[in-house]
Amino acid sequence: MGISYVIISIVMGLILTGVFGEGLRLGGAAVAAQGVDLTDIVGFLVVPFTAVVGLLITTPIYLLFVSDKNTGLLEYLLAVGMGQRDIFWGYLKASFLLSLVGIVPMLLLNLALESGGVVMALEVTGLGLGTALADVALVTVLMTAFSSMQRKPTGMNSPVGISIGIFIMLPELLLTAVLQSEIVWLDLALGVAVMIVSVFLLVSIDRLIVREKLLP
């Protein structure tokens, strides 16, 4: 998809972080005078935004998996002694590394603009990194596994899957405004749950996906 796609994802993440961070800093004091604390409502929105950018920027990994399967590269990797889990873990590591390219700048910018104090800044940074990587892990394993199960895998399924995943995350965005500071517990629970499911799928991949499914 080219380096331009990665750059666009990074710029989008920085704009989202900058707009909400600067808006919170400038408008927080004025709104607080009316009894509304924007820090709790807007400050944690960077957590789901970070996950969204992490998912978008890793889309080329799923397309690469489809291409590698169709060209016979996965068959070659199996022939040289790699197992299904080794192959899936390789693409998962690539997703982690690529997602960090978009996630880290967002979290650093959020730290610079954070007006809710050091404690909140650390909470948001930790939750943003943890939930984003958990989401990336789950979607990477699911999309690569789904592509391997198809008789003729195509790259279009990956953007569709990412779009569905982002749509499912919308309730978390709305709950942030309702739960305010208590959203930290929901974010933490979601991150842990998603990571547990991701690890289980990756460990079980040898049983879930037979070797023949990785052949072109």
N, C-alpha and C. Protein backbone atom coordinates (compact mmCIF):
# COMPACT_ATOMS: atom_id res chain seq x y z
N MET A 1 0.82 -1.21 0.00
CA MET A 1 0.00 0.00 0.00
C MET A 1 0.86 1.26 0.00
N GLY A 2 2.17 1.09 0.21
CA GLY A 2 3.07 2.23 0.13
C GLY A 2 3.25 2.94 1.46
N ILE A 3 4.36 3.69 1.54
CA ILE A 3 4.68 4.42 2.76
C ILE A 3 3.69 5.54 3.00
N SER A 4 3.01 5.99 1.93
CA SER A 4 2.05 7.09 2.08
C SER A 4 0.91 6.70 3.00
N TYR A 5 0.49 5.41 2.97
CA TYR A 5 -0.60 4.96 3.83
C TYR A 5 -0.18 5.07 5.29
N VAL A 6 1.06 4.69 5.59
CA VAL A 6 1.56 4.79 6.96
C VAL A 6 1.62 6.24 7.41
N ILE A 7 2.10 7.11 6.53
CA ILE A 7 2.20 8.53 6.86
C ILE A 7 0.81 9.12 7.13
N ILE A 8 -0.15 8.76 6.29
CA ILE A 8 -1.52 9.27 6.47
C ILE A 8 -2.08 8.82 7.81
N SER A 9 -1.83 7.56 8.19
CA SER A 9 -2.32 7.05 9.47
C SER A 9 -1.70 7.81 10.64
N ILE A 10 -0.40 8.07 10.55
CA ILE A 10 0.29 8.80 11.62
C ILE A 10 -0.26 10.22 11.74
N VAL A 11 -0.39 10.89 10.60
CA VAL A 11 -0.90 12.27 10.60
C VAL A 11 -2.32 12.32 11.17
N MET A 12 -3.15 11.35 10.79
CA MET A 12 -4.52 11.31 11.30
C MET A 12 -4.52 11.16 12.81
N GLY A 13 -3.67 10.27 13.33
CA GLY A 13 -3.59 10.07 14.78
C GLY A 13 -3.12 11.32 15.50
N LEU A 14 -2.12 12.00 14.94
CA LEU A 14 -1.61 13.22 15.57
C LEU A 14 -2.65 14.33 15.55
N ILE A 15 -3.41 14.42 14.47
CA ILE A 15 -4.46 15.45 14.39
C ILE A 15 -5.55 15.19 15.42
N LEU A 16 -5.99 13.94 15.53
CA LEU A 16 -7.00 13.60 16.53
C LEU A 16 -6.51 13.94 17.94
N THR A 17 -5.28 13.54 18.24
CA THR A 17 -4.73 13.80 19.57
C THR A 17 -4.57 15.29 19.81
N GLY A 18 -4.06 16.00 18.81
CA GLY A 18 -3.84 17.43 18.97
C GLY A 18 -5.12 18.22 19.14
N VAL A 19 -6.12 17.88 18.33
CA VAL A 19 -7.40 18.61 18.40
C VAL A 19 -8.05 18.44 19.76
N PHE A 20 -8.13 17.19 20.23
CA PHE A 20 -8.78 16.96 21.51
C PHE A 20 -7.93 17.44 22.68
N GLY A 21 -6.62 17.28 22.58
CA GLY A 21 -5.74 17.73 23.65
C GLY A 21 -5.72 19.24 23.80
N GLU A 22 -5.58 19.93 22.68
CA GLU A 22 -5.56 21.39 22.73
C GLU A 22 -6.94 21.94 23.08
N GLY A 23 -7.99 21.30 22.54
CA GLY A 23 -9.34 21.76 22.87
C GLY A 23 -9.65 21.58 24.34
N LEU A 24 -9.16 20.49 24.93
CA LEU A 24 -9.36 20.26 26.36
C LEU A 24 -8.61 21.29 27.18
N ARG A 25 -7.42 21.64 26.75
CA ARG A 25 -6.61 22.61 27.51
C ARG A 25 -7.21 24.01 27.45
N LEU A 26 -7.69 24.40 26.26
CA LEU A 26 -8.22 25.75 26.09
C LEU A 26 -9.64 25.91 26.66
N GLY A 27 -10.47 24.88 26.44
CA GLY A 27 -11.86 25.02 26.86
C GLY A 27 -12.18 24.43 28.22
N GLY A 28 -11.23 23.70 28.79
CA GLY A 28 -11.51 23.03 30.05
C GLY A 28 -11.81 23.99 31.19
N ALA A 29 -11.02 25.05 31.30
CA ALA A 29 -11.20 25.99 32.41
C ALA A 29 -12.53 26.73 32.30
N ALA A 30 -12.89 27.11 31.08
CA ALA A 30 -14.14 27.85 30.91
C ALA A 30 -15.36 26.99 31.23
N VAL A 31 -15.33 25.73 30.78
CA VAL A 31 -16.45 24.84 31.03
C VAL A 31 -16.50 24.42 32.49
N ALA A 32 -15.32 24.26 33.12
CA ALA A 32 -15.27 23.85 34.52
C ALA A 32 -15.97 24.86 35.41
N ALA A 33 -15.96 26.12 35.00
CA ALA A 33 -16.62 27.14 35.79
C ALA A 33 -18.13 26.93 35.86
N GLN A 34 -18.67 26.15 34.91
CA GLN A 34 -20.10 25.85 34.91
C GLN A 34 -20.41 24.50 35.54
N GLY A 35 -19.41 23.89 36.17
CA GLY A 35 -19.62 22.64 36.88
C GLY A 35 -19.41 21.38 36.06
N VAL A 36 -18.85 21.48 34.87
CA VAL A 36 -18.60 20.32 34.02
C VAL A 36 -17.09 20.13 33.88
N ASP A 37 -16.61 18.92 34.19
CA ASP A 37 -15.18 18.62 34.12
C ASP A 37 -14.88 17.92 32.80
N LEU A 38 -14.37 18.69 31.83
CA LEU A 38 -14.04 18.11 30.54
C LEU A 38 -12.86 17.15 30.62
N THR A 39 -12.05 17.28 31.63
CA THR A 39 -10.87 16.43 31.74
C THR A 39 -11.26 14.97 31.79
N ASP A 40 -12.28 14.64 32.57
CA ASP A 40 -12.72 13.25 32.69
C ASP A 40 -13.43 12.77 31.44
N ILE A 41 -14.13 13.69 30.76
CA ILE A 41 -14.93 13.29 29.61
C ILE A 41 -14.07 13.13 28.36
N VAL A 42 -13.23 14.10 28.07
CA VAL A 42 -12.45 14.11 26.83
C VAL A 42 -11.07 13.49 27.01
N GLY A 43 -10.54 13.57 28.21
CA GLY A 43 -9.16 13.13 28.41
C GLY A 43 -8.90 11.68 28.06
N PHE A 44 -9.90 10.80 28.26
CA PHE A 44 -9.71 9.37 28.00
C PHE A 44 -10.10 8.96 26.59
N LEU A 45 -10.56 9.90 25.77
CA LEU A 45 -10.93 9.56 24.41
C LEU A 45 -9.72 9.14 23.58
N VAL A 46 -8.53 9.55 23.98
CA VAL A 46 -7.34 9.17 23.24
C VAL A 46 -7.12 7.66 23.29
N VAL A 47 -7.67 6.99 24.29
CA VAL A 47 -7.49 5.53 24.41
C VAL A 47 -8.12 4.80 23.22
N PRO A 48 -9.44 4.97 22.96
CA PRO A 48 -10.01 4.31 21.78
C PRO A 48 -9.47 4.86 20.46
N PHE A 49 -9.13 6.16 20.42
CA PHE A 49 -8.56 6.72 19.20
C PHE A 49 -7.22 6.05 18.88
N THR A 50 -6.43 5.78 19.91
CA THR A 50 -5.15 5.11 19.70
C THR A 50 -5.35 3.72 19.12
N ALA A 51 -6.35 3.01 19.62
CA ALA A 51 -6.65 1.67 19.10
C ALA A 51 -7.09 1.74 17.64
N VAL A 52 -7.90 2.73 17.30
CA VAL A 52 -8.37 2.89 15.92
C VAL A 52 -7.20 3.11 14.98
N VAL A 53 -6.29 4.01 15.34
CA VAL A 53 -5.12 4.28 14.50
C VAL A 53 -4.23 3.05 14.40
N GLY A 54 -4.08 2.32 15.52
CA GLY A 54 -3.28 1.10 15.50
C GLY A 54 -3.85 0.08 14.53
N LEU A 55 -5.18 -0.04 14.49
CA LEU A 55 -5.82 -0.99 13.57
C LEU A 55 -5.68 -0.53 12.12
N LEU A 56 -5.87 0.75 11.88
CA LEU A 56 -5.79 1.25 10.51
C LEU A 56 -4.39 1.11 9.93
N ILE A 57 -3.38 1.41 10.72
CA ILE A 57 -2.02 1.43 10.20
C ILE A 57 -1.50 0.02 9.93
N THR A 58 -2.10 -1.00 10.55
CA THR A 58 -1.64 -2.37 10.35
C THR A 58 -2.38 -3.09 9.23
N THR A 59 -3.29 -2.42 8.54
CA THR A 59 -4.01 -3.04 7.43
C THR A 59 -3.08 -3.66 6.39
N PRO A 60 -1.94 -3.03 6.03
CA PRO A 60 -1.04 -3.66 5.04
C PRO A 60 -0.55 -5.04 5.46
N ILE A 61 -0.49 -5.33 6.76
CA ILE A 61 -0.01 -6.64 7.20
C ILE A 61 -0.98 -7.73 6.78
N TYR A 62 -2.29 -7.47 6.89
CA TYR A 62 -3.27 -8.46 6.49
C TYR A 62 -3.25 -8.67 4.98
N LEU A 63 -3.08 -7.58 4.25
CA LEU A 63 -2.98 -7.70 2.79
C LEU A 63 -1.72 -8.45 2.39
N LEU A 64 -0.63 -8.25 3.14
CA LEU A 64 0.61 -8.97 2.87
C LEU A 64 0.44 -10.47 3.10
N PHE A 65 -0.30 -10.82 4.17
CA PHE A 65 -0.55 -12.24 4.45
C PHE A 65 -1.28 -12.89 3.27
N VAL A 66 -2.30 -12.22 2.76
CA VAL A 66 -3.05 -12.75 1.62
C VAL A 66 -2.15 -12.91 0.41
N SER A 67 -1.32 -11.90 0.16
CA SER A 67 -0.40 -11.97 -0.98
C SER A 67 0.60 -13.11 -0.82
N ASP A 68 1.15 -13.25 0.39
CA ASP A 68 2.14 -14.31 0.63
C ASP A 68 1.52 -15.69 0.48
N LYS A 69 0.27 -15.84 0.86
CA LYS A 69 -0.40 -17.14 0.71
C LYS A 69 -0.64 -17.44 -0.77
N ASN A 70 -1.10 -16.45 -1.50
CA ASN A 70 -1.41 -16.67 -2.91
C ASN A 70 -0.16 -16.94 -3.74
N THR A 71 0.97 -16.37 -3.35
CA THR A 71 2.21 -16.56 -4.11
C THR A 71 2.99 -17.80 -3.67
N GLY A 72 2.52 -18.50 -2.64
CA GLY A 72 3.18 -19.72 -2.21
C GLY A 72 4.26 -19.53 -1.16
N LEU A 73 4.42 -18.32 -0.62
CA LEU A 73 5.46 -18.11 0.39
C LEU A 73 5.16 -18.88 1.67
N LEU A 74 3.89 -18.93 2.07
CA LEU A 74 3.55 -19.67 3.28
C LEU A 74 3.82 -21.16 3.11
N GLU A 75 3.59 -21.66 1.90
CA GLU A 75 3.90 -23.07 1.62
C GLU A 75 5.40 -23.33 1.77
N TYR A 76 6.21 -22.37 1.32
CA TYR A 76 7.66 -22.50 1.46
C TYR A 76 8.07 -22.49 2.93
N LEU A 77 7.47 -21.61 3.72
CA LEU A 77 7.81 -21.53 5.14
C LEU A 77 7.46 -22.83 5.86
N LEU A 78 6.35 -23.43 5.48
CA LEU A 78 5.98 -24.72 6.06
C LEU A 78 6.98 -25.80 5.64
N ALA A 79 7.43 -25.72 4.40
CA ALA A 79 8.35 -26.73 3.89
C ALA A 79 9.71 -26.69 4.58
N VAL A 80 10.12 -25.51 5.04
CA VAL A 80 11.42 -25.39 5.70
C VAL A 80 11.34 -25.65 7.20
N GLY A 81 10.17 -26.07 7.67
CA GLY A 81 10.06 -26.50 9.06
C GLY A 81 9.30 -25.60 10.01
N MET A 82 8.77 -24.48 9.53
CA MET A 82 7.98 -23.60 10.40
C MET A 82 6.58 -24.18 10.60
N GLY A 83 6.01 -23.96 11.78
CA GLY A 83 4.65 -24.39 12.06
C GLY A 83 3.67 -23.27 11.84
N GLN A 84 2.38 -23.59 11.94
CA GLN A 84 1.35 -22.57 11.75
C GLN A 84 1.52 -21.43 12.75
N ARG A 85 1.80 -21.78 14.01
CA ARG A 85 1.95 -20.75 15.04
C ARG A 85 3.13 -19.84 14.75
N ASP A 86 4.23 -20.40 14.25
CA ASP A 86 5.41 -19.59 13.91
C ASP A 86 5.06 -18.57 12.83
N ILE A 87 4.30 -19.01 11.84
CA ILE A 87 3.94 -18.12 10.74
C ILE A 87 3.03 -17.00 11.24
N PHE A 88 2.01 -17.36 11.99
CA PHE A 88 1.08 -16.35 12.50
C PHE A 88 1.79 -15.39 13.45
N TRP A 89 2.69 -15.90 14.27
CA TRP A 89 3.43 -15.05 15.21
C TRP A 89 4.31 -14.06 14.45
N GLY A 90 4.84 -14.47 13.32
CA GLY A 90 5.65 -13.54 12.52
C GLY A 90 4.86 -12.35 12.04
N TYR A 91 3.66 -12.60 11.53
CA TYR A 91 2.81 -11.49 11.08
C TYR A 91 2.31 -10.66 12.26
N LEU A 92 2.10 -11.30 13.39
CA LEU A 92 1.67 -10.56 14.58
C LEU A 92 2.76 -9.62 15.06
N LYS A 93 4.00 -10.07 15.05
CA LYS A 93 5.12 -9.19 15.44
C LYS A 93 5.23 -8.02 14.48
N ALA A 94 5.02 -8.29 13.19
CA ALA A 94 5.05 -7.19 12.22
C ALA A 94 3.95 -6.18 12.50
N SER A 95 2.76 -6.66 12.88
CA SER A 95 1.65 -5.76 13.21
C SER A 95 1.98 -4.92 14.44
N PHE A 96 2.57 -5.55 15.45
CA PHE A 96 2.95 -4.81 16.66
C PHE A 96 3.92 -3.68 16.32
N LEU A 97 4.96 -4.00 15.56
CA LEU A 97 5.99 -3.01 15.24
C LEU A 97 5.41 -1.87 14.40
N LEU A 98 4.57 -2.21 13.42
CA LEU A 98 4.00 -1.17 12.57
C LEU A 98 3.00 -0.32 13.35
N SER A 99 2.22 -0.93 14.23
CA SER A 99 1.24 -0.17 15.00
C SER A 99 1.93 0.83 15.93
N LEU A 100 3.08 0.45 16.48
CA LEU A 100 3.80 1.36 17.37
C LEU A 100 4.25 2.63 16.65
N VAL A 101 4.45 2.52 15.34
CA VAL A 101 4.84 3.70 14.55
C VAL A 101 3.75 4.77 14.62
N GLY A 102 2.49 4.35 14.69
CA GLY A 102 1.41 5.32 14.80
C GLY A 102 0.98 5.60 16.22
N ILE A 103 1.11 4.60 17.11
CA ILE A 103 0.64 4.74 18.49
C ILE A 103 1.56 5.63 19.32
N VAL A 104 2.86 5.40 19.23
CA VAL A 104 3.82 6.12 20.08
C VAL A 104 3.76 7.63 19.87
N PRO A 105 3.77 8.16 18.62
CA PRO A 105 3.66 9.61 18.46
C PRO A 105 2.38 10.18 19.06
N MET A 106 1.27 9.45 18.95
CA MET A 106 0.01 9.91 19.54
C MET A 106 0.13 10.04 21.05
N LEU A 107 0.70 9.02 21.69
CA LEU A 107 0.80 9.04 23.15
C LEU A 107 1.78 10.09 23.63
N LEU A 108 2.86 10.30 22.89
CA LEU A 108 3.82 11.34 23.27
C LEU A 108 3.19 12.73 23.15
N LEU A 109 2.44 12.95 22.07
CA LEU A 109 1.77 14.24 21.91
C LEU A 109 0.72 14.44 22.99
N ASN A 110 0.03 13.38 23.35
CA ASN A 110 -0.97 13.49 24.40
C ASN A 110 -0.32 13.82 25.75
N LEU A 111 0.84 13.26 26.01
CA LEU A 111 1.57 13.59 27.24
C LEU A 111 1.94 15.07 27.27
N ALA A 112 2.33 15.59 26.11
CA ALA A 112 2.73 17.00 26.05
C ALA A 112 1.54 17.93 26.24
N LEU A 113 0.36 17.50 25.79
CA LEU A 113 -0.83 18.37 25.87
C LEU A 113 -1.71 18.08 27.07
N GLU A 114 -1.43 17.00 27.79
CA GLU A 114 -2.28 16.58 28.90
C GLU A 114 -2.38 17.67 29.96
N SER A 115 -3.62 18.02 30.31
CA SER A 115 -3.83 19.06 31.31
C SER A 115 -4.50 18.52 32.56
N GLY A 116 -4.65 17.20 32.66
CA GLY A 116 -5.33 16.62 33.80
C GLY A 116 -4.40 16.15 34.90
N GLY A 117 -3.11 16.45 34.79
CA GLY A 117 -2.17 16.04 35.82
C GLY A 117 -1.34 14.84 35.40
N VAL A 118 -0.28 14.58 36.17
CA VAL A 118 0.64 13.51 35.85
C VAL A 118 -0.02 12.14 35.95
N VAL A 119 -0.83 11.96 37.00
CA VAL A 119 -1.48 10.66 37.22
C VAL A 119 -2.38 10.29 36.05
N MET A 120 -3.20 11.25 35.63
CA MET A 120 -4.10 10.97 34.51
C MET A 120 -3.31 10.74 33.23
N ALA A 121 -2.23 11.50 33.04
CA ALA A 121 -1.41 11.33 31.83
C ALA A 121 -0.83 9.92 31.77
N LEU A 122 -0.35 9.43 32.89
CA LEU A 122 0.20 8.07 32.93
C LEU A 122 -0.88 7.02 32.73
N GLU A 123 -2.07 7.26 33.30
CA GLU A 123 -3.18 6.32 33.12
C GLU A 123 -3.57 6.23 31.65
N VAL A 124 -3.74 7.37 31.02
CA VAL A 124 -4.14 7.40 29.62
C VAL A 124 -3.08 6.75 28.74
N THR A 125 -1.81 7.04 29.01
CA THR A 125 -0.73 6.47 28.21
C THR A 125 -0.69 4.94 28.34
N GLY A 126 -0.78 4.45 29.57
CA GLY A 126 -0.75 3.01 29.79
C GLY A 126 -1.95 2.32 29.17
N LEU A 127 -3.15 2.88 29.37
CA LEU A 127 -4.35 2.29 28.80
C LEU A 127 -4.34 2.35 27.28
N GLY A 128 -3.88 3.47 26.74
CA GLY A 128 -3.84 3.62 25.29
C GLY A 128 -2.91 2.60 24.64
N LEU A 129 -1.72 2.43 25.23
CA LEU A 129 -0.76 1.48 24.68
C LEU A 129 -1.26 0.05 24.83
N GLY A 130 -1.77 -0.29 26.03
CA GLY A 130 -2.22 -1.65 26.29
C GLY A 130 -3.42 -2.07 25.46
N THR A 131 -4.46 -1.22 25.42
CA THR A 131 -5.66 -1.58 24.67
C THR A 131 -5.40 -1.59 23.16
N ALA A 132 -4.58 -0.66 22.69
CA ALA A 132 -4.29 -0.62 21.26
C ALA A 132 -3.55 -1.88 20.81
N LEU A 133 -2.52 -2.28 21.56
CA LEU A 133 -1.79 -3.50 21.19
C LEU A 133 -2.66 -4.74 21.32
N ALA A 134 -3.54 -4.75 22.33
CA ALA A 134 -4.46 -5.89 22.48
C ALA A 134 -5.40 -5.98 21.29
N ASP A 135 -5.95 -4.84 20.87
CA ASP A 135 -6.85 -4.83 19.72
C ASP A 135 -6.12 -5.25 18.45
N VAL A 136 -4.91 -4.74 18.27
CA VAL A 136 -4.11 -5.11 17.10
C VAL A 136 -3.83 -6.62 17.08
N ALA A 137 -3.52 -7.17 18.25
CA ALA A 137 -3.24 -8.60 18.34
C ALA A 137 -4.47 -9.42 17.95
N LEU A 138 -5.62 -9.05 18.50
CA LEU A 138 -6.84 -9.82 18.22
C LEU A 138 -7.21 -9.74 16.75
N VAL A 139 -7.23 -8.53 16.19
CA VAL A 139 -7.63 -8.36 14.80
C VAL A 139 -6.64 -9.03 13.85
N THR A 140 -5.34 -8.95 14.15
CA THR A 140 -4.35 -9.58 13.30
C THR A 140 -4.54 -11.09 13.25
N VAL A 141 -4.71 -11.71 14.41
CA VAL A 141 -4.91 -13.16 14.45
C VAL A 141 -6.21 -13.54 13.76
N LEU A 142 -7.28 -12.79 14.02
CA LEU A 142 -8.57 -13.11 13.42
C LEU A 142 -8.56 -12.94 11.91
N MET A 143 -8.00 -11.84 11.42
CA MET A 143 -8.02 -11.58 9.99
C MET A 143 -7.11 -12.52 9.23
N THR A 144 -5.93 -12.83 9.76
CA THR A 144 -5.04 -13.77 9.08
C THR A 144 -5.63 -15.18 9.12
N ALA A 145 -6.24 -15.55 10.25
CA ALA A 145 -6.87 -16.86 10.33
C ALA A 145 -8.05 -16.96 9.36
N PHE A 146 -8.85 -15.90 9.28
CA PHE A 146 -9.98 -15.89 8.37
C PHE A 146 -9.51 -16.00 6.92
N SER A 147 -8.44 -15.28 6.59
CA SER A 147 -7.91 -15.33 5.23
C SER A 147 -7.37 -16.71 4.89
N SER A 148 -6.79 -17.39 5.87
CA SER A 148 -6.25 -18.72 5.62
C SER A 148 -7.36 -19.75 5.42
N MET A 149 -8.56 -19.48 5.94
CA MET A 149 -9.67 -20.42 5.80
C MET A 149 -10.38 -20.29 4.46
N GLN A 150 -10.15 -19.19 3.76
CA GLN A 150 -10.82 -18.97 2.49
C GLN A 150 -10.16 -19.77 1.38
N ARG A 151 -10.97 -20.24 0.47
CA ARG A 151 -10.42 -20.98 -0.67
C ARG A 151 -9.61 -20.05 -1.56
N LYS A 152 -10.14 -18.87 -1.82
CA LYS A 152 -9.43 -17.87 -2.60
C LYS A 152 -9.44 -16.57 -1.82
N PRO A 153 -8.48 -16.39 -0.91
CA PRO A 153 -8.47 -15.18 -0.08
C PRO A 153 -8.24 -13.92 -0.91
N THR A 154 -8.91 -12.87 -0.52
CA THR A 154 -8.76 -11.58 -1.18
C THR A 154 -8.47 -10.52 -0.14
N GLY A 155 -7.82 -9.46 -0.56
CA GLY A 155 -7.44 -8.41 0.37
C GLY A 155 -8.58 -7.56 0.85
N MET A 156 -9.73 -7.58 0.14
CA MET A 156 -10.84 -6.71 0.50
C MET A 156 -11.45 -7.07 1.85
N ASN A 157 -11.30 -8.31 2.29
CA ASN A 157 -11.89 -8.70 3.56
C ASN A 157 -11.25 -7.97 4.74
N SER A 158 -9.98 -7.63 4.61
CA SER A 158 -9.28 -6.98 5.72
C SER A 158 -9.83 -5.59 6.02
N PRO A 159 -9.94 -4.70 5.04
CA PRO A 159 -10.56 -3.39 5.34
C PRO A 159 -11.98 -3.51 5.88
N VAL A 160 -12.75 -4.48 5.37
CA VAL A 160 -14.11 -4.68 5.86
C VAL A 160 -14.08 -5.09 7.33
N GLY A 161 -13.17 -6.02 7.67
CA GLY A 161 -13.04 -6.46 9.05
C GLY A 161 -12.63 -5.33 9.98
N ILE A 162 -11.70 -4.48 9.52
CA ILE A 162 -11.27 -3.35 10.33
C ILE A 162 -12.42 -2.38 10.54
N SER A 163 -13.20 -2.13 9.50
CA SER A 163 -14.34 -1.22 9.61
C SER A 163 -15.35 -1.72 10.63
N ILE A 164 -15.61 -3.04 10.60
CA ILE A 164 -16.54 -3.63 11.57
C ILE A 164 -15.98 -3.48 12.98
N GLY A 165 -14.67 -3.72 13.13
CA GLY A 165 -14.04 -3.60 14.44
C GLY A 165 -14.14 -2.18 14.99
N ILE A 166 -13.93 -1.20 14.14
CA ILE A 166 -14.04 0.20 14.57
C ILE A 166 -15.47 0.53 14.95
N PHE A 167 -16.45 0.02 14.19
CA PHE A 167 -17.85 0.26 14.51
C PHE A 167 -18.21 -0.31 15.88
N ILE A 168 -17.66 -1.50 16.19
CA ILE A 168 -17.93 -2.11 17.49
C ILE A 168 -17.36 -1.27 18.62
N MET A 169 -16.30 -0.49 18.34
CA MET A 169 -15.67 0.32 19.38
C MET A 169 -16.44 1.60 19.68
N LEU A 170 -17.43 1.95 18.85
CA LEU A 170 -18.16 3.20 19.05
C LEU A 170 -18.83 3.28 20.43
N PRO A 171 -19.42 2.19 20.95
CA PRO A 171 -19.99 2.30 22.30
C PRO A 171 -18.99 2.74 23.35
N GLU A 172 -17.72 2.35 23.19
CA GLU A 172 -16.72 2.77 24.16
C GLU A 172 -16.52 4.28 24.11
N LEU A 173 -16.60 4.86 22.90
CA LEU A 173 -16.48 6.31 22.78
C LEU A 173 -17.63 7.00 23.49
N LEU A 174 -18.84 6.47 23.35
CA LEU A 174 -20.01 7.08 23.99
C LEU A 174 -19.97 6.88 25.50
N LEU A 175 -19.51 5.70 25.95
CA LEU A 175 -19.47 5.44 27.39
C LEU A 175 -18.44 6.32 28.09
N THR A 176 -17.44 6.79 27.35
CA THR A 176 -16.45 7.67 27.97
C THR A 176 -17.11 8.92 28.52
N ALA A 177 -18.07 9.47 27.79
CA ALA A 177 -18.77 10.68 28.25
C ALA A 177 -19.70 10.38 29.43
N VAL A 178 -20.21 9.15 29.50
CA VAL A 178 -21.15 8.79 30.56
C VAL A 178 -20.41 8.42 31.85
N LEU A 179 -19.40 7.55 31.71
CA LEU A 179 -18.68 7.07 32.89
C LEU A 179 -17.62 8.04 33.39
N GLN A 180 -17.13 8.91 32.51
CA GLN A 180 -16.10 9.89 32.85
C GLN A 180 -14.86 9.18 33.41
N SER A 181 -14.40 9.53 34.59
CA SER A 181 -13.14 8.97 35.10
C SER A 181 -13.22 7.46 35.34
N GLU A 182 -14.44 6.93 35.52
CA GLU A 182 -14.59 5.50 35.75
C GLU A 182 -14.37 4.68 34.47
N ILE A 183 -14.23 5.37 33.33
CA ILE A 183 -13.98 4.66 32.08
C ILE A 183 -12.65 3.92 32.14
N VAL A 184 -11.75 4.33 33.05
CA VAL A 184 -10.46 3.67 33.17
C VAL A 184 -10.62 2.18 33.47
N TRP A 185 -11.62 1.85 34.27
CA TRP A 185 -11.83 0.44 34.62
C TRP A 185 -12.39 -0.34 33.43
N LEU A 186 -13.26 0.28 32.65
CA LEU A 186 -13.78 -0.37 31.46
C LEU A 186 -12.68 -0.59 30.43
N ASP A 187 -11.84 0.44 30.20
CA ASP A 187 -10.72 0.31 29.27
C ASP A 187 -9.78 -0.80 29.71
N LEU A 188 -9.49 -0.85 30.99
CA LEU A 188 -8.58 -1.87 31.51
C LEU A 188 -9.17 -3.26 31.33
N ALA A 189 -10.46 -3.41 31.65
CA ALA A 189 -11.11 -4.71 31.51
C ALA A 189 -11.16 -5.16 30.05
N LEU A 190 -11.47 -4.23 29.14
CA LEU A 190 -11.51 -4.57 27.73
C LEU A 190 -10.14 -4.98 27.22
N GLY A 191 -9.11 -4.23 27.61
CA GLY A 191 -7.76 -4.55 27.17
C GLY A 191 -7.31 -5.92 27.62
N VAL A 192 -7.57 -6.24 28.89
CA VAL A 192 -7.17 -7.54 29.43
C VAL A 192 -7.95 -8.67 28.75
N ALA A 193 -9.26 -8.47 28.58
CA ALA A 193 -10.09 -9.50 27.96
C ALA A 193 -9.67 -9.77 26.52
N VAL A 194 -9.42 -8.71 25.78
CA VAL A 194 -9.02 -8.87 24.38
C VAL A 194 -7.67 -9.56 24.27
N MET A 195 -6.73 -9.20 25.15
CA MET A 195 -5.42 -9.82 25.11
C MET A 195 -5.49 -11.30 25.46
N ILE A 196 -6.33 -11.66 26.44
CA ILE A 196 -6.49 -13.07 26.80
C ILE A 196 -7.02 -13.87 25.61
N VAL A 197 -8.03 -13.32 24.93
CA VAL A 197 -8.58 -14.00 23.76
C VAL A 197 -7.52 -14.13 22.66
N SER A 198 -6.72 -13.07 22.46
CA SER A 198 -5.69 -13.10 21.43
C SER A 198 -4.65 -14.17 21.72
N VAL A 199 -4.19 -14.24 22.97
CA VAL A 199 -3.19 -15.23 23.34
C VAL A 199 -3.75 -16.64 23.18
N PHE A 200 -5.00 -16.83 23.59
CA PHE A 200 -5.63 -18.15 23.46
C PHE A 200 -5.69 -18.59 21.99
N LEU A 201 -6.10 -17.67 21.12
CA LEU A 201 -6.19 -18.00 19.70
C LEU A 201 -4.82 -18.32 19.11
N LEU A 202 -3.82 -17.53 19.49
CA LEU A 202 -2.48 -17.76 18.95
C LEU A 202 -1.92 -19.09 19.44
N VAL A 203 -2.12 -19.42 20.71
CA VAL A 203 -1.62 -20.68 21.25
C VAL A 203 -2.35 -21.87 20.61
N SER A 204 -3.63 -21.68 20.28
CA SER A 204 -4.43 -22.77 19.73
C SER A 204 -4.41 -22.83 18.21
N ILE A 205 -3.61 -21.98 17.57
CA ILE A 205 -3.68 -21.86 16.12
C ILE A 205 -3.30 -23.16 15.41
N ASP A 206 -2.41 -23.97 16.02
CA ASP A 206 -2.03 -25.23 15.39
C ASP A 206 -3.22 -26.17 15.25
N ARG A 207 -4.16 -26.09 16.18
CA ARG A 207 -5.35 -26.95 16.13
C ARG A 207 -6.47 -26.30 15.31
N LEU A 208 -6.53 -24.98 15.35
CA LEU A 208 -7.61 -24.29 14.64
C LEU A 208 -7.38 -24.26 13.14
N ILE A 209 -6.12 -24.11 12.73
CA ILE A 209 -5.77 -23.98 11.32
C ILE A 209 -4.87 -25.14 10.92
N VAL A 210 -5.33 -26.02 10.08
CA VAL A 210 -4.49 -27.12 9.59
C VAL A 210 -3.51 -26.58 8.57
N ARG A 211 -2.41 -27.28 8.38
CA ARG A 211 -1.34 -26.79 7.51
C ARG A 211 -1.83 -26.60 6.07
N GLU A 212 -2.74 -27.45 5.63
CA GLU A 212 -3.21 -27.37 4.25
C GLU A 212 -3.93 -26.04 3.96
N LYS A 213 -4.47 -25.40 5.00
CA LYS A 213 -5.17 -24.14 4.81
C LYS A 213 -4.23 -23.00 4.46
N LEU A 214 -2.93 -23.18 4.68
CA LEU A 214 -1.96 -22.13 4.37
C LEU A 214 -1.36 -22.31 2.97
N LEU A 215 -1.78 -23.33 2.26
CA LEU A 215 -1.28 -23.55 0.91
C LEU A 215 -2.07 -22.69 -0.07
N PRO A 216 -1.46 -22.30 -1.18
CA PRO A 216 -2.18 -21.46 -2.15
C PRO A 216 -3.34 -22.20 -2.81
